[in-house]
Amino acid sequence: MSMFEKNYRAYAIHTLFFTSVVFLLVIGNGKYSHAEDYTISIPFGAFNPELNTPAEVWYDPPILSIHVGDSVTWVNDDREGHTVTSGDGAGRFEWMDTKELGEPDGIFDSQRFIPNESWTYTFDKAGTFNYFCIIHPWMSGVVNVQQTIPDYPHDAKGNKIETFPLIQFTPDKLIEFDLTWEPNIIKTFEKTTFVFQTYDALTNSNLDKMKYDMIITQNGKEIFQDSGITQVGGDYRNVIFETSGPIEIRFQNIVSGGTSGIDSAARESVTQSLFRTVVFSTIVYDNPEKFSATETMVQPAQRLDIYYELLVAIITVPALMLLGIVIYMKFKKPDIRSQGMSTPI
């Protein structure tokens, strides 16, 4: 089978399966590619906390808004050495009254750099970053870093996902595991539906009744765990993420849960289930429009078991009824009384 045929097959089956999932839900109730560089000047006179200093601001501009992945370069245009240290400064008048020296938070620190030198820092996280000068703690500035949400799906390293479903094979090369998620760009407080299917890697036939454990970790912490069994070759889960950051979607302990469907070596290697693991990844972004979840999560309570058996019943029962009618009509005896009462012309 060619790669085109394989991708088309996977797309067609995923589309059909995803339609079934929607039906169930209804009846059941390259990284920093656009980065920019910014410059902040430390103006002449910033070293002087007095009111008559020639510096109108300590850092120019005092408040800068950028995006994740952008870089900021501070240039020392003053006549004394300074630092750019993240944390809360003492403030101009607070320093004069209490002689406090500010509180660094450890996110970044330029160390002292002298006049005409500069220091650059790249912001890889969103947030509001206050900073000040350790030597002159009245000097303070702010960098607001906003998250850039790409318009294409990608993995946790920023590599673009060209097509869905994503395809991976278990280490024993016996099972192909396909995964799709909708919407393709995941944001906080929005329902994300993960749809997945299993195939015999040697015959490209759909494998049903396959057990698995699904685990999602985010920023190194497990946030979702569930077990299930694929029906009609696939299954799905709904997840709402409350925190942004890279996620890892792991399927493990993949093993046959029955004898239905095709015969496959994947059903026989039960002892290898612990080593049958496939891992996918992507990134969750802060939602600029939602700040809390407004939906109630609905999972496939019977993991499509009921739906699978219902399909069988819908097809089998009418077929048996039709067969019974045909047999009845074929062996039905003629009505002799009706024939005897007929009057010949």
C-alpha atoms as a PDB file:
ATOM      1  CA  MET A   1       0.000   0.000   0.000  1.00  0.00           C
ATOM      2  CA  SER A   2       1.393   3.401  -0.994  1.00  0.00           C
ATOM      3  CA  MET A   3       1.873   6.216   1.533  1.00  0.00           C
ATOM      4  CA  PHE A   4      -0.886   8.206  -0.221  1.00  0.00           C
ATOM      5  CA  GLU A   5      -3.304   5.302   0.038  1.00  0.00           C
ATOM      6  CA  LYS A   6      -2.343   4.754   3.674  1.00  0.00           C
ATOM      7  CA  ASN A   7      -2.884   8.424   4.581  1.00  0.00           C
ATOM      8  CA  TYR A   8      -6.149   8.512   2.663  1.00  0.00           C
ATOM      9  CA  ARG A   9      -7.311   5.330   4.391  1.00  0.00           C
ATOM     10  CA  ALA A  10      -6.426   6.698   7.804  1.00  0.00           C
ATOM     11  CA  TYR A  11      -8.124  10.020   7.064  1.00  0.00           C
ATOM     12  CA  ALA A  12     -11.292   8.318   5.834  1.00  0.00           C
ATOM     13  CA  ILE A  13     -11.532   6.008   8.842  1.00  0.00           C
ATOM     14  CA  HIS A  14     -10.800   8.833  11.285  1.00  0.00           C
ATOM     15  CA  THR A  15     -13.498  10.961   9.658  1.00  0.00           C
ATOM     16  CA  LEU A  16     -16.022   8.129   9.955  1.00  0.00           C
ATOM     17  CA  PHE A  17     -15.034   7.386  13.534  1.00  0.00           C
ATOM     18  CA  PHE A  18     -15.083  11.053  14.569  1.00  0.00           C
ATOM     19  CA  THR A  19     -18.611  11.344  13.120  1.00  0.00           C
ATOM     20  CA  SER A  20     -19.630   8.424  15.333  1.00  0.00           C
ATOM     21  CA  VAL A  21     -18.106  10.177  18.332  1.00  0.00           C
ATOM     22  CA  VAL A  22     -20.099  13.333  17.618  1.00  0.00           C
ATOM     23  CA  PHE A  23     -23.226  11.202  17.309  1.00  0.00           C
ATOM     24  CA  LEU A  24     -22.535   9.632  20.698  1.00  0.00           C
ATOM     25  CA  LEU A  25     -21.976  12.991  22.348  1.00  0.00           C
ATOM     26  CA  VAL A  26     -25.266  14.310  20.964  1.00  0.00           C
ATOM     27  CA  ILE A  27     -27.379  11.385  22.027  1.00  0.00           C
ATOM     28  CA  GLY A  28     -25.571  11.087  25.345  1.00  0.00           C
ATOM     29  CA  ASN A  29     -26.459  14.596  26.234  1.00  0.00           C
ATOM     30  CA  GLY A  30       9.853  26.166  13.602  1.00  0.00           C
ATOM     31  CA  LYS A  31       9.998  27.743  17.172  1.00  0.00           C
ATOM     32  CA  TYR A  32      10.013  31.568  17.511  1.00  0.00           C
ATOM     33  CA  SER A  33      10.229  31.996  13.732  1.00  0.00           C
ATOM     34  CA  HIS A  34       8.683  35.468  14.061  1.00  0.00           C
ATOM     35  CA  ALA A  35      10.750  36.602  17.042  1.00  0.00           C
ATOM     36  CA  GLU A  36      11.770  40.256  17.213  1.00  0.00           C
ATOM     37  CA  ASP A  37      14.525  42.207  18.972  1.00  0.00           C
ATOM     38  CA  TYR A  38      13.810  45.241  21.139  1.00  0.00           C
ATOM     39  CA  THR A  39      16.105  47.805  22.728  1.00  0.00           C
ATOM     40  CA  ILE A  40      15.784  49.569  26.082  1.00  0.00           C
ATOM     41  CA  SER A  41      18.129  52.446  26.913  1.00  0.00           C
ATOM     42  CA  ILE A  42      19.458  53.198  30.375  1.00  0.00           C
ATOM     43  CA  PRO A  43      19.581  57.001  29.988  1.00  0.00           C
ATOM     44  CA  PHE A  44      22.163  59.400  31.287  1.00  0.00           C
ATOM     45  CA  GLY A  45      21.384  60.422  34.867  1.00  0.00           C
ATOM     46  CA  ALA A  46      19.630  57.177  35.838  1.00  0.00           C
ATOM     47  CA  PHE A  47      22.265  56.673  38.519  1.00  0.00           C
ATOM     48  CA  ASN A  48      21.000  59.769  40.382  1.00  0.00           C
ATOM     49  CA  PRO A  49      17.863  59.328  42.539  1.00  0.00           C
ATOM     50  CA  GLU A  50      17.445  63.066  43.106  1.00  0.00           C
ATOM     51  CA  LEU A  51      14.539  64.970  41.610  1.00  0.00           C
ATOM     52  CA  ASN A  52      16.755  67.141  39.421  1.00  0.00           C
ATOM     53  CA  THR A  53      18.313  64.222  37.543  1.00  0.00           C
ATOM     54  CA  PRO A  54      18.368  64.672  33.750  1.00  0.00           C
ATOM     55  CA  ALA A  55      16.823  61.212  33.282  1.00  0.00           C
ATOM     56  CA  GLU A  56      13.054  61.357  32.827  1.00  0.00           C
ATOM     57  CA  VAL A  57      12.786  57.561  33.223  1.00  0.00           C
ATOM     58  CA  TRP A  58      15.161  54.937  34.616  1.00  0.00           C
ATOM     59  CA  TYR A  59      14.734  52.645  31.631  1.00  0.00           C
ATOM     60  CA  ASP A  60      13.530  53.939  28.275  1.00  0.00           C
ATOM     61  CA  PRO A  61      10.859  52.796  27.577  1.00  0.00           C
ATOM     62  CA  PRO A  62       9.937  52.039  31.202  1.00  0.00           C
ATOM     63  CA  ILE A  63       7.179  49.601  30.141  1.00  0.00           C
ATOM     64  CA  LEU A  64       7.679  47.372  27.098  1.00  0.00           C
ATOM     65  CA  SER A  65       5.194  44.886  25.598  1.00  0.00           C
ATOM     66  CA  ILE A  66       6.580  41.973  23.560  1.00  0.00           C
ATOM     67  CA  HIS A  67       5.737  38.354  22.652  1.00  0.00           C
ATOM     68  CA  VAL A  68       7.144  35.041  23.792  1.00  0.00           C
ATOM     69  CA  GLY A  69      10.400  34.382  21.954  1.00  0.00           C
ATOM     70  CA  ASP A  70      11.292  38.062  21.543  1.00  0.00           C
ATOM     71  CA  SER A  71      14.602  39.392  22.824  1.00  0.00           C
ATOM     72  CA  VAL A  72      15.298  42.622  24.700  1.00  0.00           C
ATOM     73  CA  THR A  73      18.695  44.365  24.747  1.00  0.00           C
ATOM     74  CA  TRP A  74      19.445  46.898  27.465  1.00  0.00           C
ATOM     75  CA  VAL A  75      22.061  49.486  26.453  1.00  0.00           C
ATOM     76  CA  ASN A  76      23.896  51.410  29.163  1.00  0.00           C
ATOM     77  CA  ASP A  77      23.870  55.046  28.011  1.00  0.00           C
ATOM     78  CA  ASP A  78      24.571  56.275  31.527  1.00  0.00           C
ATOM     79  CA  ARG A  79      27.993  57.105  33.019  1.00  0.00           C
ATOM     80  CA  GLU A  80      27.917  54.417  35.736  1.00  0.00           C
ATOM     81  CA  GLY A  81      27.528  50.652  35.781  1.00  0.00           C
ATOM     82  CA  HIS A  82      24.044  49.100  36.143  1.00  0.00           C
ATOM     83  CA  THR A  83      22.278  45.764  36.324  1.00  0.00           C
ATOM     84  CA  VAL A  84      19.029  44.437  34.889  1.00  0.00           C
ATOM     85  CA  THR A  85      17.690  42.179  37.646  1.00  0.00           C
ATOM     86  CA  SER A  86      14.227  40.621  37.718  1.00  0.00           C
ATOM     87  CA  GLY A  87      12.212  41.331  40.847  1.00  0.00           C
ATOM     88  CA  ASP A  88      10.736  44.268  42.712  1.00  0.00           C
ATOM     89  CA  GLY A  89      12.852  47.385  43.159  1.00  0.00           C
ATOM     90  CA  ALA A  90      12.720  49.630  46.202  1.00  0.00           C
ATOM     91  CA  GLY A  91      11.077  52.566  44.425  1.00  0.00           C
ATOM     92  CA  ARG A  92      12.384  56.084  44.238  1.00  0.00           C
ATOM     93  CA  PHE A  93      10.857  57.561  47.362  1.00  0.00           C
ATOM     94  CA  GLU A  94      10.688  54.277  49.269  1.00  0.00           C
ATOM     95  CA  TRP A  95      14.442  53.918  48.845  1.00  0.00           C
ATOM     96  CA  MET A  96      15.028  57.421  50.129  1.00  0.00           C
ATOM     97  CA  ASP A  97      12.905  56.768  53.231  1.00  0.00           C
ATOM     98  CA  THR A  98      13.936  53.199  54.098  1.00  0.00           C
ATOM     99  CA  LYS A  99      17.157  52.564  52.146  1.00  0.00           C
ATOM    100  CA  GLU A 100      15.749  49.219  50.946  1.00  0.00           C
ATOM    101  CA  LEU A 101      17.630  47.483  48.137  1.00  0.00           C
ATOM    102  CA  GLY A 102      14.809  45.615  46.369  1.00  0.00           C
ATOM    103  CA  GLU A 103      14.017  41.886  46.121  1.00  0.00           C
ATOM    104  CA  PRO A 104      15.340  39.830  43.173  1.00  0.00           C
ATOM    105  CA  ASP A 105      13.196  36.829  42.116  1.00  0.00           C
ATOM    106  CA  GLY A 106      15.966  34.925  40.314  1.00  0.00           C
ATOM    107  CA  ILE A 107      14.431  34.800  36.832  1.00  0.00           C
ATOM    108  CA  PHE A 108      17.180  36.825  35.168  1.00  0.00           C
ATOM    109  CA  ASP A 109      20.134  38.964  36.188  1.00  0.00           C
ATOM    110  CA  SER A 110      22.565  40.735  33.882  1.00  0.00           C
ATOM    111  CA  GLN A 111      25.210  41.339  36.532  1.00  0.00           C
ATOM    112  CA  ARG A 112      26.932  44.738  36.350  1.00  0.00           C
ATOM    113  CA  PHE A 113      27.706  46.104  32.886  1.00  0.00           C
ATOM    114  CA  ILE A 114      29.505  49.395  32.367  1.00  0.00           C
ATOM    115  CA  PRO A 115      28.678  52.416  30.129  1.00  0.00           C
ATOM    116  CA  ASN A 116      28.425  51.663  26.394  1.00  0.00           C
ATOM    117  CA  GLU A 117      27.971  47.963  27.091  1.00  0.00           C
ATOM    118  CA  SER A 118      24.725  46.052  26.650  1.00  0.00           C
ATOM    119  CA  TRP A 119      22.987  42.903  27.802  1.00  0.00           C
ATOM    120  CA  THR A 120      20.353  40.786  26.027  1.00  0.00           C
ATOM    121  CA  TYR A 121      17.695  38.418  27.342  1.00  0.00           C
ATOM    122  CA  THR A 122      15.195  36.260  25.410  1.00  0.00           C
ATOM    123  CA  PHE A 123      11.795  35.785  27.043  1.00  0.00           C
ATOM    124  CA  ASP A 124      10.518  32.240  26.557  1.00  0.00           C
ATOM    125  CA  LYS A 125       7.510  32.495  28.876  1.00  0.00           C
ATOM    126  CA  ALA A 126       4.477  34.742  29.002  1.00  0.00           C
ATOM    127  CA  GLY A 127       3.913  37.018  31.974  1.00  0.00           C
ATOM    128  CA  THR A 128       4.680  40.397  33.516  1.00  0.00           C
ATOM    129  CA  PHE A 129       8.332  40.793  34.501  1.00  0.00           C
ATOM    130  CA  ASN A 130       9.365  43.579  36.849  1.00  0.00           C
ATOM    131  CA  TYR A 131      13.061  44.393  37.044  1.00  0.00           C
ATOM    132  CA  PHE A 132      15.408  46.894  38.686  1.00  0.00           C
ATOM    133  CA  CYS A 133      19.067  47.773  39.183  1.00  0.00           C
ATOM    134  CA  ILE A 134      20.742  46.096  42.163  1.00  0.00           C
ATOM    135  CA  ILE A 135      23.263  48.949  42.417  1.00  0.00           C
ATOM    136  CA  HIS A 136      20.644  51.685  42.111  1.00  0.00           C
ATOM    137  CA  PRO A 137      17.456  50.066  43.513  1.00  0.00           C
ATOM    138  CA  TRP A 138      15.228  53.061  42.723  1.00  0.00           C
ATOM    139  CA  MET A 139      15.578  52.234  39.033  1.00  0.00           C
ATOM    140  CA  SER A 140      12.741  49.960  37.840  1.00  0.00           C
ATOM    141  CA  GLY A 141      11.060  48.855  34.641  1.00  0.00           C
ATOM    142  CA  VAL A 142       8.497  46.355  33.345  1.00  0.00           C
ATOM    143  CA  VAL A 143       8.387  43.927  30.405  1.00  0.00           C
ATOM    144  CA  ASN A 144       4.976  42.480  29.510  1.00  0.00           C
ATOM    145  CA  VAL A 145       5.350  39.246  27.545  1.00  0.00           C
ATOM    146  CA  GLN A 146       2.343  37.986  25.623  1.00  0.00           C
ATOM    147  CA  GLN A 147       1.971  34.517  24.193  1.00  0.00           C
ATOM    148  CA  THR A 148       1.928  34.095  20.414  1.00  0.00           C
ATOM    149  CA  ILE A 149      -0.562  31.451  19.317  1.00  0.00           C
ATOM    150  CA  PRO A 150       0.399  29.877  15.974  1.00  0.00           C
ATOM    151  CA  ASP A 151      -2.194  29.168  13.308  1.00  0.00           C
ATOM    152  CA  TYR A 152      -0.987  25.628  12.675  1.00  0.00           C
ATOM    153  CA  PRO A 153      -0.755  22.477  14.838  1.00  0.00           C
ATOM    154  CA  HIS A 154       2.681  21.435  16.055  1.00  0.00           C
ATOM    155  CA  ASP A 155       4.432  19.214  18.555  1.00  0.00           C
ATOM    156  CA  ALA A 156       5.946  20.322  21.860  1.00  0.00           C
ATOM    157  CA  LYS A 157       9.186  21.326  20.107  1.00  0.00           C
ATOM    158  CA  GLY A 158       7.377  23.611  17.674  1.00  0.00           C
ATOM    159  CA  ASN A 159       7.674  21.266  14.680  1.00  0.00           C
ATOM    160  CA  LYS A 160       4.704  21.781  12.367  1.00  0.00           C
ATOM    161  CA  ILE A 161       2.248  18.909  12.024  1.00  0.00           C
ATOM    162  CA  GLU A 162       1.547  18.688   8.304  1.00  0.00           C
ATOM    163  CA  THR A 163      -1.335  16.202   8.366  1.00  0.00           C
ATOM    164  CA  PHE A 164      -3.575  14.339  10.779  1.00  0.00           C
ATOM    165  CA  PRO A 165      -3.787  11.654  11.995  1.00  0.00           C
ATOM    166  CA  LEU A 166      -0.366  11.344  13.569  1.00  0.00           C
ATOM    167  CA  ILE A 167       0.937   7.811  13.119  1.00  0.00           C
ATOM    168  CA  GLN A 168       3.262   5.902  15.433  1.00  0.00           C
ATOM    169  CA  PHE A 169       4.163   2.244  15.899  1.00  0.00           C
ATOM    170  CA  THR A 170       4.651   0.317  19.108  1.00  0.00           C
ATOM    171  CA  PRO A 171       8.260  -0.789  19.720  1.00  0.00           C
ATOM    172  CA  ASP A 172       7.455  -4.359  18.620  1.00  0.00           C
ATOM    173  CA  LYS A 173       6.207  -2.958  15.260  1.00  0.00           C
ATOM    174  CA  LEU A 174       2.976  -4.951  15.550  1.00  0.00           C
ATOM    175  CA  ILE A 175       0.502  -2.135  16.240  1.00  0.00           C
ATOM    176  CA  GLU A 176      -0.004   1.155  14.447  1.00  0.00           C
ATOM    177  CA  PHE A 177      -1.492   3.849  16.695  1.00  0.00           C
ATOM    178  CA  ASP A 178      -3.145   6.896  15.069  1.00  0.00           C
ATOM    179  CA  LEU A 179      -4.099  10.074  16.937  1.00  0.00           C
ATOM    180  CA  THR A 180      -6.064  13.213  16.072  1.00  0.00           C
ATOM    181  CA  TRP A 181      -7.185  16.058  18.331  1.00  0.00           C
ATOM    182  CA  GLU A 182      -9.834  18.699  17.745  1.00  0.00           C
ATOM    183  CA  PRO A 183      -9.403  21.639  17.774  1.00  0.00           C
ATOM    184  CA  ASN A 184      -5.908  21.291  16.323  1.00  0.00           C
ATOM    185  CA  ILE A 185      -4.679  24.327  18.309  1.00  0.00           C
ATOM    186  CA  ILE A 186      -5.319  23.571  21.980  1.00  0.00           C
ATOM    187  CA  LYS A 187      -6.202  26.436  24.339  1.00  0.00           C
ATOM    188  CA  THR A 188      -6.985  26.537  28.020  1.00  0.00           C
ATOM    189  CA  PHE A 189     -10.598  26.152  29.174  1.00  0.00           C
ATOM    190  CA  GLU A 190     -11.750  24.745  25.822  1.00  0.00           C
ATOM    191  CA  LYS A 191     -12.834  21.144  25.327  1.00  0.00           C
ATOM    192  CA  THR A 192     -10.288  19.126  23.375  1.00  0.00           C
ATOM    193  CA  THR A 193     -11.333  15.781  21.901  1.00  0.00           C
ATOM    194  CA  PHE A 194      -8.601  13.204  21.338  1.00  0.00           C
ATOM    195  CA  VAL A 195      -9.605  10.527  18.795  1.00  0.00           C
ATOM    196  CA  PHE A 196      -7.397   7.484  18.337  1.00  0.00           C
ATOM    197  CA  GLN A 197      -7.388   4.177  16.456  1.00  0.00           C
ATOM    198  CA  THR A 198      -5.374   0.967  16.343  1.00  0.00           C
ATOM    199  CA  TYR A 199      -4.287  -1.030  13.289  1.00  0.00           C
ATOM    200  CA  ASP A 200      -2.432  -4.215  12.540  1.00  0.00           C
ATOM    201  CA  ALA A 201       0.902  -2.843  11.309  1.00  0.00           C
ATOM    202  CA  LEU A 202       1.489  -5.791   8.967  1.00  0.00           C
ATOM    203  CA  THR A 203      -1.900  -5.942   7.241  1.00  0.00           C
ATOM    204  CA  ASN A 204      -3.160  -2.359   7.728  1.00  0.00           C
ATOM    205  CA  SER A 205      -6.406  -3.823   9.075  1.00  0.00           C
ATOM    206  CA  ASN A 206      -8.321  -2.046  11.809  1.00  0.00           C
ATOM    207  CA  LEU A 207      -7.806  -3.633  15.256  1.00  0.00           C
ATOM    208  CA  ASP A 208     -10.756  -3.508  17.628  1.00  0.00           C
ATOM    209  CA  LYS A 209     -10.970  -4.630  21.258  1.00  0.00           C
ATOM    210  CA  MET A 210      -7.487  -3.315  22.158  1.00  0.00           C
ATOM    211  CA  LYS A 211      -6.927  -2.326  25.794  1.00  0.00           C
ATOM    212  CA  TYR A 212      -4.778   0.698  26.684  1.00  0.00           C
ATOM    213  CA  ASP A 213      -3.892   3.259  29.360  1.00  0.00           C
ATOM    214  CA  MET A 214      -3.956   6.937  28.379  1.00  0.00           C
ATOM    215  CA  ILE A 215      -1.838   9.367  30.402  1.00  0.00           C
ATOM    216  CA  ILE A 216      -1.381  13.095  29.801  1.00  0.00           C
ATOM    217  CA  THR A 217       1.423  15.001  31.508  1.00  0.00           C
ATOM    218  CA  GLN A 218       1.927  18.751  31.404  1.00  0.00           C
ATOM    219  CA  ASN A 219       5.061  20.544  32.503  1.00  0.00           C
ATOM    220  CA  GLY A 220       6.261  17.238  33.946  1.00  0.00           C
ATOM    221  CA  LYS A 221       3.111  16.637  36.034  1.00  0.00           C
ATOM    222  CA  GLU A 222       0.436  14.009  35.371  1.00  0.00           C
ATOM    223  CA  ILE A 223      -2.917  15.744  34.844  1.00  0.00           C
ATOM    224  CA  PHE A 224      -5.045  13.037  33.207  1.00  0.00           C
ATOM    225  CA  GLN A 225      -5.167   9.244  33.401  1.00  0.00           C
ATOM    226  CA  ASP A 226      -7.730   6.770  32.108  1.00  0.00           C
ATOM    227  CA  SER A 227      -7.988   3.234  30.742  1.00  0.00           C
ATOM    228  CA  GLY A 228     -10.188   1.857  28.015  1.00  0.00           C
ATOM    229  CA  ILE A 229     -10.703  -0.568  25.172  1.00  0.00           C
ATOM    230  CA  THR A 230     -11.041   0.393  21.531  1.00  0.00           C
ATOM    231  CA  GLN A 231     -14.320  -0.443  19.803  1.00  0.00           C
ATOM    232  CA  VAL A 232     -14.769  -0.378  16.054  1.00  0.00           C
ATOM    233  CA  GLY A 233     -11.009   0.065  16.111  1.00  0.00           C
ATOM    234  CA  GLY A 234     -10.991   3.375  17.974  1.00  0.00           C
ATOM    235  CA  ASP A 235     -11.928   5.434  21.008  1.00  0.00           C
ATOM    236  CA  TYR A 236     -11.871   9.040  22.211  1.00  0.00           C
ATOM    237  CA  ARG A 237     -11.413  11.186  25.316  1.00  0.00           C
ATOM    238  CA  ASN A 238     -12.426  14.750  26.176  1.00  0.00           C
ATOM    239  CA  VAL A 239     -10.053  16.953  28.180  1.00  0.00           C
ATOM    240  CA  ILE A 240     -10.144  20.570  29.353  1.00  0.00           C
ATOM    241  CA  PHE A 241      -6.749  22.065  30.184  1.00  0.00           C
ATOM    242  CA  GLU A 242      -6.555  24.749  32.855  1.00  0.00           C
ATOM    243  CA  THR A 243      -2.851  25.536  32.457  1.00  0.00           C
ATOM    244  CA  SER A 244      -0.779  26.407  29.393  1.00  0.00           C
ATOM    245  CA  GLY A 245       2.434  24.630  28.508  1.00  0.00           C
ATOM    246  CA  PRO A 246       3.749  21.593  26.620  1.00  0.00           C
ATOM    247  CA  ILE A 247       1.856  18.321  27.036  1.00  0.00           C
ATOM    248  CA  GLU A 248       2.739  14.680  26.406  1.00  0.00           C
ATOM    249  CA  ILE A 249      -0.020  12.237  25.398  1.00  0.00           C
ATOM    250  CA  ARG A 250       1.104   8.712  26.226  1.00  0.00           C
ATOM    251  CA  PHE A 251      -0.633   5.429  25.422  1.00  0.00           C
ATOM    252  CA  GLN A 252       0.820   2.389  27.138  1.00  0.00           C
ATOM    253  CA  ASN A 253       0.023  -1.225  28.085  1.00  0.00           C
ATOM    254  CA  ILE A 254      -1.592  -1.725  24.684  1.00  0.00           C
ATOM    255  CA  VAL A 255      -2.868  -5.298  24.562  1.00  0.00           C
ATOM    256  CA  SER A 256      -5.702  -7.304  23.028  1.00  0.00           C
ATOM    257  CA  GLY A 257      -8.900  -7.234  25.041  1.00  0.00           C
ATOM    258  CA  GLY A 258     -10.771  -9.919  23.110  1.00  0.00           C
ATOM    259  CA  THR A 259     -10.857 -12.211  20.112  1.00  0.00           C
ATOM    260  CA  SER A 260     -13.157 -10.231  17.850  1.00  0.00           C
ATOM    261  CA  GLY A 261     -11.904  -8.744  14.616  1.00  0.00           C
ATOM    262  CA  ILE A 262      -9.010 -10.026  12.548  1.00  0.00           C
ATOM    263  CA  ASP A 263      -6.406 -12.524  13.647  1.00  0.00           C
ATOM    264  CA  SER A 264      -3.196 -10.672  14.383  1.00  0.00           C
ATOM    265  CA  ALA A 265       0.182 -11.223  16.008  1.00  0.00           C
ATOM    266  CA  ALA A 266      -0.661  -8.112  18.036  1.00  0.00           C
ATOM    267  CA  ARG A 267      -3.285 -10.154  19.895  1.00  0.00           C
ATOM    268  CA  GLU A 268      -0.869 -12.897  20.818  1.00  0.00           C
ATOM    269  CA  SER A 269       2.022 -10.899  22.357  1.00  0.00           C
ATOM    270  CA  VAL A 270       0.294 -10.189  25.656  1.00  0.00           C
ATOM    271  CA  THR A 271       3.544 -10.355  27.632  1.00  0.00           C
ATOM    272  CA  GLN A 272       4.915  -7.398  25.684  1.00  0.00           C
ATOM    273  CA  SER A 273       2.099  -5.050  26.691  1.00  0.00           C
ATOM    274  CA  LEU A 274       4.196  -3.174  29.261  1.00  0.00           C
ATOM    275  CA  PHE A 275       6.606  -2.177  26.514  1.00  0.00           C
ATOM    276  CA  ARG A 276       3.920  -1.142  24.074  1.00  0.00           C
ATOM    277  CA  THR A 277       4.025   2.616  24.440  1.00  0.00           C
ATOM    278  CA  VAL A 278       3.490   5.419  21.946  1.00  0.00           C
ATOM    279  CA  VAL A 279       3.960   9.093  22.807  1.00  0.00           C
ATOM    280  CA  PHE A 280       2.647  12.239  21.129  1.00  0.00           C
ATOM    281  CA  SER A 281       3.136  15.881  22.146  1.00  0.00           C
ATOM    282  CA  THR A 282       1.890  19.402  21.535  1.00  0.00           C
ATOM    283  CA  ILE A 283       1.469  22.700  23.408  1.00  0.00           C
ATOM    284  CA  VAL A 284      -1.505  24.202  25.243  1.00  0.00           C
ATOM    285  CA  TYR A 285      -1.859  27.975  24.917  1.00  0.00           C
ATOM    286  CA  ASP A 286      -3.446  30.534  27.223  1.00  0.00           C
ATOM    287  CA  ASN A 287      -6.918  31.346  25.964  1.00  0.00           C
ATOM    288  CA  PRO A 288      -7.306  35.105  25.461  1.00  0.00           C
ATOM    289  CA  GLU A 289     -11.105  34.764  25.475  1.00  0.00           C
ATOM    290  CA  LYS A 290     -11.809  32.287  28.282  1.00  0.00           C
ATOM    291  CA  PHE A 291     -10.652  32.387  31.881  1.00  0.00           C
ATOM    292  CA  SER A 292     -12.644  29.442  33.230  1.00  0.00           C
ATOM    293  CA  ALA A 293     -14.295  26.293  31.909  1.00  0.00           C
ATOM    294  CA  THR A 294     -17.954  26.662  30.915  1.00  0.00           C
ATOM    295  CA  GLU A 295     -18.496  23.053  29.804  1.00  0.00           C
ATOM    296  CA  THR A 296     -19.032  19.842  31.722  1.00  0.00           C
ATOM    297  CA  MET A 297     -16.811  17.025  30.556  1.00  0.00           C
ATOM    298  CA  VAL A 298     -18.675  14.099  29.016  1.00  0.00           C
ATOM    299  CA  GLN A 299     -16.593  10.960  28.504  1.00  0.00           C
ATOM    300  CA  PRO A 300     -17.645   7.811  26.623  1.00  0.00           C
ATOM    301  CA  ALA A 301     -19.054   6.052  29.707  1.00  0.00           C
ATOM    302  CA  GLN A 302     -19.163   2.631  28.067  1.00  0.00           C
ATOM    303  CA  ARG A 303     -16.098   3.237  25.884  1.00  0.00           C
ATOM    304  CA  LEU A 304     -18.329   2.672  22.808  1.00  0.00           C
ATOM    305  CA  ASP A 305     -19.226  -0.861  23.946  1.00  0.00           C
ATOM    306  CA  ILE A 306     -22.938  -0.064  23.919  1.00  0.00           C
ATOM    307  CA  TYR A 307     -22.650   1.726  20.602  1.00  0.00           C
ATOM    308  CA  TYR A 308     -20.729  -1.171  19.095  1.00  0.00           C
ATOM    309  CA  GLU A 309     -23.307  -3.723  20.208  1.00  0.00           C
ATOM    310  CA  LEU A 310     -26.107  -1.377  19.182  1.00  0.00           C
ATOM    311  CA  LEU A 311     -24.761  -1.251  15.661  1.00  0.00           C
ATOM    312  CA  VAL A 312     -24.687  -5.043  15.565  1.00  0.00           C
ATOM    313  CA  ALA A 313     -28.258  -5.191  16.839  1.00  0.00           C
ATOM    314  CA  ILE A 314     -29.485  -2.565  14.376  1.00  0.00           C
ATOM    315  CA  ILE A 315     -28.055  -4.578  11.500  1.00  0.00           C
ATOM    316  CA  THR A 316     -28.774  -8.106  12.771  1.00  0.00           C
ATOM    317  CA  VAL A 317     -32.356  -7.821  14.051  1.00  0.00           C
ATOM    318  CA  PRO A 318     -33.913  -6.399  10.860  1.00  0.00           C
ATOM    319  CA  ALA A 319     -31.935  -8.912   8.814  1.00  0.00           C
ATOM    320  CA  LEU A 320     -33.319 -11.809  10.855  1.00  0.00           C
ATOM    321  CA  MET A 321     -36.835 -10.430  10.609  1.00  0.00           C
ATOM    322  CA  LEU A 322     -36.542 -10.104   6.847  1.00  0.00           C
ATOM    323  CA  LEU A 323     -35.171 -13.625   6.598  1.00  0.00           C
ATOM    324  CA  GLY A 324     -38.105 -14.917   8.646  1.00  0.00           C
ATOM    325  CA  ILE A 325     -40.634 -13.175   6.391  1.00  0.00           C
ATOM    326  CA  VAL A 326     -38.995 -14.619   3.288  1.00  0.00           C
ATOM    327  CA  ILE A 327     -39.020 -18.147   4.732  1.00  0.00           C
ATOM    328  CA  TYR A 328     -42.637 -17.757   5.830  1.00  0.00           C
ATOM    329  CA  MET A 329     -43.781 -16.586   2.412  1.00  0.00           C
ATOM    330  CA  LYS A 330     -41.856 -19.364   0.687  1.00  0.00           C
ATOM    331  CA  PHE A 331     -43.354 -22.203   2.703  1.00  0.00           C
ATOM    332  CA  LYS A 332     -46.816 -20.736   3.255  1.00  0.00           C
ATOM    333  CA  LYS A 333     -49.601 -23.177   2.170  1.00  0.00           C
ATOM    334  CA  PRO A 334     -52.201 -21.908  -0.336  1.00  0.00           C
ATOM    335  CA  ASP A 335     -55.758 -21.185   0.957  1.00  0.00           C
ATOM    336  CA  ILE A 336     -57.871 -24.040  -0.523  1.00  0.00           C
ATOM    337  CA  ARG A 337     -61.201 -22.532   0.582  1.00  0.00           C
ATOM    338  CA  SER A 338     -60.490 -19.352  -1.294  1.00  0.00           C
ATOM    339  CA  GLN A 339     -59.749 -21.344  -4.466  1.00  0.00           C
ATOM    340  CA  GLY A 340     -62.945 -23.445  -4.134  1.00  0.00           C
ATOM    341  CA  MET A 341     -65.216 -20.438  -3.859  1.00  0.00           C
ATOM    342  CA  SER A 342     -64.014 -18.921  -7.087  1.00  0.00           C
ATOM    343  CA  THR A 343     -66.639 -19.036  -9.934  1.00  0.00           C
ATOM    344  CA  PRO A 344     -65.411 -20.008 -13.393  1.00  0.00           C
ATOM    345  CA  ILE A 345     -66.491 -17.781 -16.231  1.00  0.00           C
END
